[in-house]
Amino acid sequence: MEVLRAHRDQKSAIGGRGPQLTDILKMLQTTISRKRTFICIDALDECVAEYRVKILDSLHQILRRSPSVRVLMTGRPHIRSEVTKRLSGRVTSIRVTPRRHDIISYLHSRLDGDTTPDAMDSTLKADILRKIPEDVSEM
């Protein structure tokens, strides 16, 4: 309720902006201080670097004040050192890589569900099934 009220108050303020980062952190801190909380952030590597730093620093503050909070983040390996540094080493990293067979199965399901099958010939389909699994394995 407090989160909704703060958001509504900020929206009605001049300029109609949403809550600022400090306001959001206070609301989160109030909410998570009562219960065990899980925060999930997907594709952190796709976040602009400037905002990623703010997110990680904010998470560091939350984790420092609320030891019962757990954070699950996904992102590509190139941000691992930044995450570890910003969260003061309180990180367990698990590498997840797709298997070639899984990628090909997924592609088959998507290609079979194509709503415009006439737009693709067998050569293009074969190229897709060959090239995409190669490219994904290099990520």
N, C-alpha and C. Protein backbone atom coordinates (compact mmCIF):
# COMPACT_ATOMS: atom_id res chain seq x y z
N MET A 1 0.82 -1.18 0.00
CA MET A 1 0.00 0.00 0.00
C MET A 1 0.87 1.25 0.00
N GLU A 2 1.92 1.23 0.80
CA GLU A 2 2.82 2.37 0.88
C GLU A 2 3.47 2.66 -0.47
N VAL A 3 3.81 1.61 -1.22
CA VAL A 3 4.44 1.77 -2.53
C VAL A 3 3.47 2.42 -3.50
N LEU A 4 2.23 1.95 -3.53
CA LEU A 4 1.23 2.54 -4.42
C LEU A 4 0.97 4.00 -4.08
N ARG A 5 0.87 4.30 -2.80
CA ARG A 5 0.61 5.68 -2.37
C ARG A 5 1.76 6.60 -2.79
N ALA A 6 2.98 6.16 -2.59
CA ALA A 6 4.14 6.98 -2.97
C ALA A 6 4.17 7.21 -4.48
N HIS A 7 3.86 6.18 -5.24
CA HIS A 7 3.86 6.32 -6.70
C HIS A 7 2.77 7.29 -7.13
N ARG A 8 1.59 7.17 -6.56
CA ARG A 8 0.48 8.06 -6.90
C ARG A 8 0.83 9.50 -6.52
N ASP A 9 1.44 9.71 -5.36
CA ASP A 9 1.83 11.06 -4.93
C ASP A 9 2.83 11.67 -5.90
N GLN A 10 3.81 10.88 -6.33
CA GLN A 10 4.82 11.40 -7.24
C GLN A 10 4.23 11.71 -8.61
N LYS A 11 3.30 10.88 -9.07
CA LYS A 11 2.68 11.09 -10.38
C LYS A 11 1.86 12.38 -10.40
N SER A 12 1.29 12.74 -9.25
CA SER A 12 0.47 13.95 -9.21
C SER A 12 1.32 15.19 -8.97
N ALA A 13 2.59 15.02 -8.64
CA ALA A 13 3.48 16.18 -8.43
C ALA A 13 3.74 16.86 -9.77
N ILE A 14 4.24 18.06 -9.70
CA ILE A 14 4.54 18.82 -10.91
C ILE A 14 5.52 18.03 -11.76
N GLY A 15 5.19 17.86 -13.02
CA GLY A 15 6.05 17.11 -13.93
C GLY A 15 5.65 15.65 -14.03
N GLY A 16 4.87 15.16 -13.08
CA GLY A 16 4.37 13.80 -13.15
C GLY A 16 5.41 12.70 -13.18
N ARG A 17 6.54 12.91 -12.54
CA ARG A 17 7.60 11.88 -12.54
C ARG A 17 7.26 10.79 -11.55
N GLY A 18 7.87 9.64 -11.75
CA GLY A 18 7.70 8.54 -10.80
C GLY A 18 8.61 8.74 -9.61
N PRO A 19 8.58 7.82 -8.66
CA PRO A 19 9.43 7.93 -7.48
C PRO A 19 10.91 7.92 -7.85
N GLN A 20 11.70 8.64 -7.10
CA GLN A 20 13.14 8.67 -7.31
C GLN A 20 13.79 7.44 -6.68
N LEU A 21 15.03 7.16 -7.06
CA LEU A 21 15.73 5.98 -6.58
C LEU A 21 15.76 5.92 -5.05
N THR A 22 16.02 7.05 -4.39
CA THR A 22 16.07 7.04 -2.92
C THR A 22 14.71 6.66 -2.33
N ASP A 23 13.62 7.15 -2.96
CA ASP A 23 12.27 6.80 -2.49
C ASP A 23 12.00 5.30 -2.67
N ILE A 24 12.41 4.78 -3.81
CA ILE A 24 12.21 3.36 -4.10
C ILE A 24 12.98 2.51 -3.10
N LEU A 25 14.23 2.90 -2.82
CA LEU A 25 15.03 2.14 -1.85
C LEU A 25 14.39 2.15 -0.47
N LYS A 26 13.87 3.29 -0.05
CA LYS A 26 13.20 3.36 1.25
C LYS A 26 11.99 2.44 1.29
N MET A 27 11.20 2.45 0.20
CA MET A 27 10.02 1.60 0.15
C MET A 27 10.42 0.12 0.17
N LEU A 28 11.43 -0.22 -0.60
CA LEU A 28 11.91 -1.60 -0.61
C LEU A 28 12.39 -2.02 0.77
N GLN A 29 13.15 -1.15 1.41
CA GLN A 29 13.69 -1.45 2.73
C GLN A 29 12.57 -1.69 3.73
N THR A 30 11.53 -0.88 3.66
CA THR A 30 10.38 -1.06 4.54
C THR A 30 9.70 -2.40 4.28
N THR A 31 9.52 -2.71 3.03
CA THR A 31 8.83 -3.95 2.64
C THR A 31 9.64 -5.18 3.01
N ILE A 32 10.92 -5.17 2.72
CA ILE A 32 11.74 -6.37 2.93
C ILE A 32 12.18 -6.56 4.37
N SER A 33 12.03 -5.54 5.19
CA SER A 33 12.46 -5.69 6.58
C SER A 33 11.51 -6.61 7.35
N ARG A 34 10.33 -6.85 6.81
CA ARG A 34 9.33 -7.65 7.51
C ARG A 34 9.39 -9.14 7.18
N LYS A 35 9.87 -9.50 5.98
CA LYS A 35 9.84 -10.89 5.54
C LYS A 35 11.09 -11.24 4.75
N ARG A 36 11.31 -12.53 4.60
CA ARG A 36 12.37 -12.98 3.71
C ARG A 36 11.94 -12.62 2.29
N THR A 37 12.84 -12.01 1.55
CA THR A 37 12.49 -11.47 0.24
C THR A 37 13.47 -11.95 -0.81
N PHE A 38 12.94 -12.21 -1.99
CA PHE A 38 13.74 -12.58 -3.15
C PHE A 38 13.57 -11.51 -4.20
N ILE A 39 14.68 -11.00 -4.68
CA ILE A 39 14.67 -9.99 -5.75
C ILE A 39 15.26 -10.65 -6.99
N CYS A 40 14.53 -10.60 -8.09
CA CYS A 40 14.99 -11.21 -9.35
C CYS A 40 15.19 -10.13 -10.40
N ILE A 41 16.35 -10.15 -11.01
CA ILE A 41 16.67 -9.19 -12.07
C ILE A 41 17.16 -9.99 -13.27
N ASP A 42 16.46 -9.86 -14.37
CA ASP A 42 16.80 -10.60 -15.57
C ASP A 42 17.55 -9.70 -16.55
N ALA A 43 18.54 -10.28 -17.20
CA ALA A 43 19.29 -9.61 -18.27
C ALA A 43 19.97 -8.32 -17.80
N LEU A 44 20.64 -8.38 -16.68
CA LEU A 44 21.32 -7.21 -16.14
C LEU A 44 22.35 -6.66 -17.13
N ASP A 45 22.95 -7.53 -17.92
CA ASP A 45 23.93 -7.09 -18.90
C ASP A 45 23.33 -6.19 -19.97
N GLU A 46 22.03 -6.22 -20.15
CA GLU A 46 21.38 -5.39 -21.16
C GLU A 46 21.04 -3.99 -20.63
N CYS A 47 21.26 -3.79 -19.37
CA CYS A 47 21.02 -2.49 -18.75
C CYS A 47 22.18 -1.55 -19.10
N VAL A 48 21.87 -0.29 -19.36
CA VAL A 48 22.90 0.71 -19.64
C VAL A 48 23.88 0.74 -18.46
N ALA A 49 25.16 0.79 -18.75
CA ALA A 49 26.20 0.69 -17.71
C ALA A 49 25.97 1.65 -16.55
N GLU A 50 25.60 2.88 -16.85
CA GLU A 50 25.38 3.89 -15.80
C GLU A 50 24.28 3.46 -14.84
N TYR A 51 23.20 2.92 -15.37
CA TYR A 51 22.09 2.46 -14.52
C TYR A 51 22.43 1.15 -13.83
N ARG A 52 23.21 0.31 -14.50
CA ARG A 52 23.63 -0.96 -13.90
C ARG A 52 24.40 -0.70 -12.61
N VAL A 53 25.28 0.30 -12.63
CA VAL A 53 26.05 0.67 -11.44
C VAL A 53 25.10 1.10 -10.32
N LYS A 54 24.10 1.90 -10.66
CA LYS A 54 23.14 2.36 -9.64
C LYS A 54 22.34 1.19 -9.08
N ILE A 55 21.93 0.28 -9.96
CA ILE A 55 21.18 -0.90 -9.49
C ILE A 55 22.04 -1.73 -8.55
N LEU A 56 23.27 -2.00 -8.95
CA LEU A 56 24.14 -2.84 -8.12
C LEU A 56 24.47 -2.17 -6.80
N ASP A 57 24.73 -0.88 -6.82
CA ASP A 57 25.00 -0.16 -5.57
C ASP A 57 23.78 -0.16 -4.65
N SER A 58 22.60 -0.02 -5.24
CA SER A 58 21.36 -0.06 -4.45
C SER A 58 21.16 -1.45 -3.85
N LEU A 59 21.42 -2.48 -4.65
CA LEU A 59 21.31 -3.85 -4.13
C LEU A 59 22.30 -4.08 -3.00
N HIS A 60 23.48 -3.52 -3.13
CA HIS A 60 24.49 -3.65 -2.07
C HIS A 60 23.96 -3.06 -0.76
N GLN A 61 23.35 -1.87 -0.85
CA GLN A 61 22.77 -1.24 0.34
C GLN A 61 21.68 -2.13 0.96
N ILE A 62 20.83 -2.66 0.10
CA ILE A 62 19.74 -3.52 0.58
C ILE A 62 20.30 -4.76 1.27
N LEU A 63 21.27 -5.41 0.64
CA LEU A 63 21.84 -6.63 1.21
C LEU A 63 22.56 -6.35 2.52
N ARG A 64 23.19 -5.20 2.62
CA ARG A 64 23.90 -4.84 3.85
C ARG A 64 22.92 -4.64 5.00
N ARG A 65 21.78 -4.04 4.72
CA ARG A 65 20.80 -3.74 5.77
C ARG A 65 19.84 -4.89 6.05
N SER A 66 19.66 -5.77 5.08
CA SER A 66 18.68 -6.86 5.22
C SER A 66 19.32 -8.18 4.81
N PRO A 67 19.97 -8.85 5.73
CA PRO A 67 20.68 -10.08 5.40
C PRO A 67 19.78 -11.23 4.95
N SER A 68 18.47 -11.14 5.17
CA SER A 68 17.59 -12.22 4.74
C SER A 68 17.17 -12.08 3.27
N VAL A 69 17.57 -11.01 2.62
CA VAL A 69 17.25 -10.81 1.21
C VAL A 69 18.16 -11.68 0.35
N ARG A 70 17.58 -12.28 -0.68
CA ARG A 70 18.34 -13.05 -1.66
C ARG A 70 18.09 -12.43 -3.02
N VAL A 71 19.13 -12.38 -3.84
CA VAL A 71 19.03 -11.78 -5.16
C VAL A 71 19.42 -12.82 -6.20
N LEU A 72 18.60 -12.93 -7.24
CA LEU A 72 18.91 -13.77 -8.38
C LEU A 72 19.01 -12.85 -9.58
N MET A 73 20.16 -12.89 -10.24
CA MET A 73 20.36 -12.06 -11.43
C MET A 73 20.79 -12.94 -12.58
N THR A 74 20.36 -12.56 -13.77
CA THR A 74 20.87 -13.22 -14.96
C THR A 74 21.61 -12.18 -15.78
N GLY A 75 22.62 -12.63 -16.48
CA GLY A 75 23.40 -11.75 -17.34
C GLY A 75 24.54 -12.51 -17.97
N ARG A 76 25.07 -11.94 -19.00
CA ARG A 76 26.19 -12.58 -19.69
C ARG A 76 27.46 -12.44 -18.85
N PRO A 77 28.42 -13.33 -19.09
CA PRO A 77 29.63 -13.39 -18.24
C PRO A 77 30.45 -12.10 -18.17
N HIS A 78 30.37 -11.23 -19.16
CA HIS A 78 31.24 -10.05 -19.16
C HIS A 78 30.95 -9.07 -18.02
N ILE A 79 29.82 -9.21 -17.33
CA ILE A 79 29.53 -8.30 -16.20
C ILE A 79 29.82 -8.94 -14.85
N ARG A 80 30.28 -10.17 -14.84
CA ARG A 80 30.50 -10.90 -13.59
C ARG A 80 31.42 -10.14 -12.63
N SER A 81 32.54 -9.64 -13.14
CA SER A 81 33.49 -8.94 -12.25
C SER A 81 32.88 -7.66 -11.67
N GLU A 82 32.07 -6.97 -12.47
CA GLU A 82 31.41 -5.76 -11.98
C GLU A 82 30.41 -6.09 -10.88
N VAL A 83 29.66 -7.16 -11.07
CA VAL A 83 28.68 -7.58 -10.06
C VAL A 83 29.40 -7.97 -8.78
N THR A 84 30.45 -8.76 -8.90
CA THR A 84 31.21 -9.20 -7.73
C THR A 84 31.79 -8.00 -6.98
N LYS A 85 32.35 -7.05 -7.72
CA LYS A 85 32.94 -5.86 -7.11
C LYS A 85 31.88 -5.02 -6.39
N ARG A 86 30.78 -4.74 -7.06
CA ARG A 86 29.74 -3.86 -6.49
C ARG A 86 29.00 -4.50 -5.32
N LEU A 87 28.94 -5.83 -5.30
CA LEU A 87 28.25 -6.51 -4.20
C LEU A 87 29.23 -7.06 -3.18
N SER A 88 30.44 -6.54 -3.19
CA SER A 88 31.48 -6.88 -2.21
C SER A 88 31.72 -8.37 -2.09
N GLY A 89 31.72 -9.05 -3.22
CA GLY A 89 32.04 -10.47 -3.22
C GLY A 89 30.95 -11.39 -2.72
N ARG A 90 29.79 -10.85 -2.38
CA ARG A 90 28.69 -11.68 -1.86
C ARG A 90 27.92 -12.31 -3.02
N VAL A 91 28.66 -13.01 -3.89
CA VAL A 91 28.07 -13.52 -5.12
C VAL A 91 28.46 -14.99 -5.30
N THR A 92 27.49 -15.77 -5.71
CA THR A 92 27.74 -17.12 -6.17
C THR A 92 27.33 -17.14 -7.62
N SER A 93 28.24 -17.53 -8.47
CA SER A 93 27.98 -17.49 -9.90
C SER A 93 27.80 -18.90 -10.44
N ILE A 94 26.79 -19.08 -11.26
CA ILE A 94 26.52 -20.36 -11.90
C ILE A 94 26.47 -20.13 -13.40
N ARG A 95 27.31 -20.84 -14.10
CA ARG A 95 27.34 -20.71 -15.56
C ARG A 95 26.28 -21.61 -16.16
N VAL A 96 25.43 -21.03 -16.99
CA VAL A 96 24.38 -21.78 -17.66
C VAL A 96 24.59 -21.63 -19.15
N THR A 97 24.76 -22.74 -19.83
CA THR A 97 24.94 -22.69 -21.28
C THR A 97 23.97 -23.66 -21.94
N PRO A 98 23.39 -23.23 -23.03
CA PRO A 98 22.45 -24.11 -23.72
C PRO A 98 23.19 -25.22 -24.46
N ARG A 99 22.53 -26.36 -24.56
CA ARG A 99 23.10 -27.45 -25.35
C ARG A 99 22.63 -27.28 -26.79
N ARG A 100 23.46 -27.67 -27.71
CA ARG A 100 23.16 -27.54 -29.14
C ARG A 100 21.81 -28.19 -29.47
N HIS A 101 21.58 -29.37 -28.92
CA HIS A 101 20.33 -30.08 -29.18
C HIS A 101 19.11 -29.25 -28.74
N ASP A 102 19.21 -28.59 -27.59
CA ASP A 102 18.10 -27.78 -27.09
C ASP A 102 17.83 -26.60 -28.02
N ILE A 103 18.88 -25.99 -28.52
CA ILE A 103 18.72 -24.85 -29.43
C ILE A 103 18.04 -25.30 -30.72
N ILE A 104 18.49 -26.42 -31.25
CA ILE A 104 17.91 -26.93 -32.50
C ILE A 104 16.44 -27.31 -32.29
N SER A 105 16.12 -27.94 -31.17
CA SER A 105 14.72 -28.29 -30.87
C SER A 105 13.85 -27.04 -30.79
N TYR A 106 14.38 -26.01 -30.13
CA TYR A 106 13.65 -24.75 -30.02
C TYR A 106 13.42 -24.14 -31.40
N LEU A 107 14.46 -24.11 -32.23
CA LEU A 107 14.34 -23.55 -33.57
C LEU A 107 13.31 -24.33 -34.40
N HIS A 108 13.35 -25.65 -34.31
CA HIS A 108 12.37 -26.46 -35.04
C HIS A 108 10.94 -26.09 -34.62
N SER A 109 10.72 -25.94 -33.31
CA SER A 109 9.37 -25.61 -32.85
C SER A 109 8.93 -24.24 -33.36
N ARG A 110 9.85 -23.30 -33.39
CA ARG A 110 9.50 -21.96 -33.89
C ARG A 110 9.27 -21.97 -35.40
N LEU A 111 10.12 -22.68 -36.13
CA LEU A 111 9.97 -22.74 -37.58
C LEU A 111 8.70 -23.50 -37.97
N ASP A 112 8.37 -24.54 -37.23
CA ASP A 112 7.15 -25.31 -37.52
C ASP A 112 5.89 -24.48 -37.24
N GLY A 113 5.99 -23.53 -36.34
CA GLY A 113 4.85 -22.68 -36.01
C GLY A 113 4.79 -21.40 -36.83
N ASP A 114 5.63 -21.29 -37.83
CA ASP A 114 5.68 -20.09 -38.68
C ASP A 114 4.33 -19.87 -39.35
N THR A 115 3.78 -18.67 -39.23
CA THR A 115 2.47 -18.36 -39.82
C THR A 115 2.57 -18.01 -41.29
N THR A 116 3.78 -17.83 -41.80
CA THR A 116 3.98 -17.56 -43.23
C THR A 116 5.02 -18.54 -43.78
N PRO A 117 4.69 -19.82 -43.86
CA PRO A 117 5.67 -20.83 -44.26
C PRO A 117 6.18 -20.65 -45.69
N ASP A 118 5.40 -20.00 -46.55
CA ASP A 118 5.84 -19.81 -47.94
C ASP A 118 6.98 -18.80 -48.05
N ALA A 119 7.23 -18.05 -47.00
CA ALA A 119 8.29 -17.03 -47.03
C ALA A 119 9.67 -17.66 -46.88
N MET A 120 9.73 -18.95 -46.58
CA MET A 120 11.02 -19.60 -46.33
C MET A 120 11.12 -20.87 -47.17
N ASP A 121 12.25 -21.01 -47.85
CA ASP A 121 12.48 -22.26 -48.58
C ASP A 121 13.35 -23.19 -47.73
N SER A 122 13.56 -24.40 -48.21
CA SER A 122 14.30 -25.40 -47.44
C SER A 122 15.76 -24.99 -47.22
N THR A 123 16.33 -24.23 -48.16
CA THR A 123 17.72 -23.78 -48.02
C THR A 123 17.85 -22.80 -46.85
N LEU A 124 16.93 -21.84 -46.79
CA LEU A 124 16.96 -20.87 -45.69
C LEU A 124 16.76 -21.57 -44.35
N LYS A 125 15.82 -22.49 -44.29
CA LYS A 125 15.57 -23.23 -43.05
C LYS A 125 16.82 -23.99 -42.62
N ALA A 126 17.49 -24.65 -43.58
CA ALA A 126 18.72 -25.39 -43.26
C ALA A 126 19.81 -24.44 -42.76
N ASP A 127 19.91 -23.26 -43.37
CA ASP A 127 20.91 -22.27 -42.93
C ASP A 127 20.63 -21.80 -41.50
N ILE A 128 19.37 -21.57 -41.20
CA ILE A 128 18.98 -21.15 -39.85
C ILE A 128 19.35 -22.22 -38.83
N LEU A 129 19.03 -23.47 -39.16
CA LEU A 129 19.30 -24.59 -38.24
C LEU A 129 20.78 -24.88 -38.09
N ARG A 130 21.59 -24.42 -39.03
CA ARG A 130 23.04 -24.61 -38.94
C ARG A 130 23.71 -23.42 -38.26
N LYS A 131 23.35 -22.20 -38.67
CA LYS A 131 24.08 -21.00 -38.25
C LYS A 131 23.75 -20.55 -36.82
N ILE A 132 22.48 -20.53 -36.47
CA ILE A 132 22.11 -20.02 -35.14
C ILE A 132 22.73 -20.85 -34.01
N PRO A 133 22.67 -22.18 -34.05
CA PRO A 133 23.33 -22.94 -32.97
C PRO A 133 24.82 -22.66 -32.88
N GLU A 134 25.49 -22.42 -34.00
CA GLU A 134 26.92 -22.09 -33.98
C GLU A 134 27.14 -20.75 -33.28
N ASP A 135 26.34 -19.75 -33.66
CA ASP A 135 26.49 -18.41 -33.08
C ASP A 135 26.18 -18.39 -31.59
N VAL A 136 25.13 -19.10 -31.19
CA VAL A 136 24.74 -19.12 -29.77
C VAL A 136 25.84 -19.78 -28.92
N SER A 137 26.46 -20.80 -29.46
CA SER A 137 27.50 -21.48 -28.69
C SER A 137 28.72 -20.60 -28.45
N GLU A 138 28.86 -19.54 -29.24
CA GLU A 138 29.99 -18.61 -29.07
C GLU A 138 29.68 -17.51 -28.09
N MET A 139 28.42 -17.36 -27.66
CA MET A 139 28.05 -16.28 -26.74
C MET A 139 28.52 -16.59 -25.34
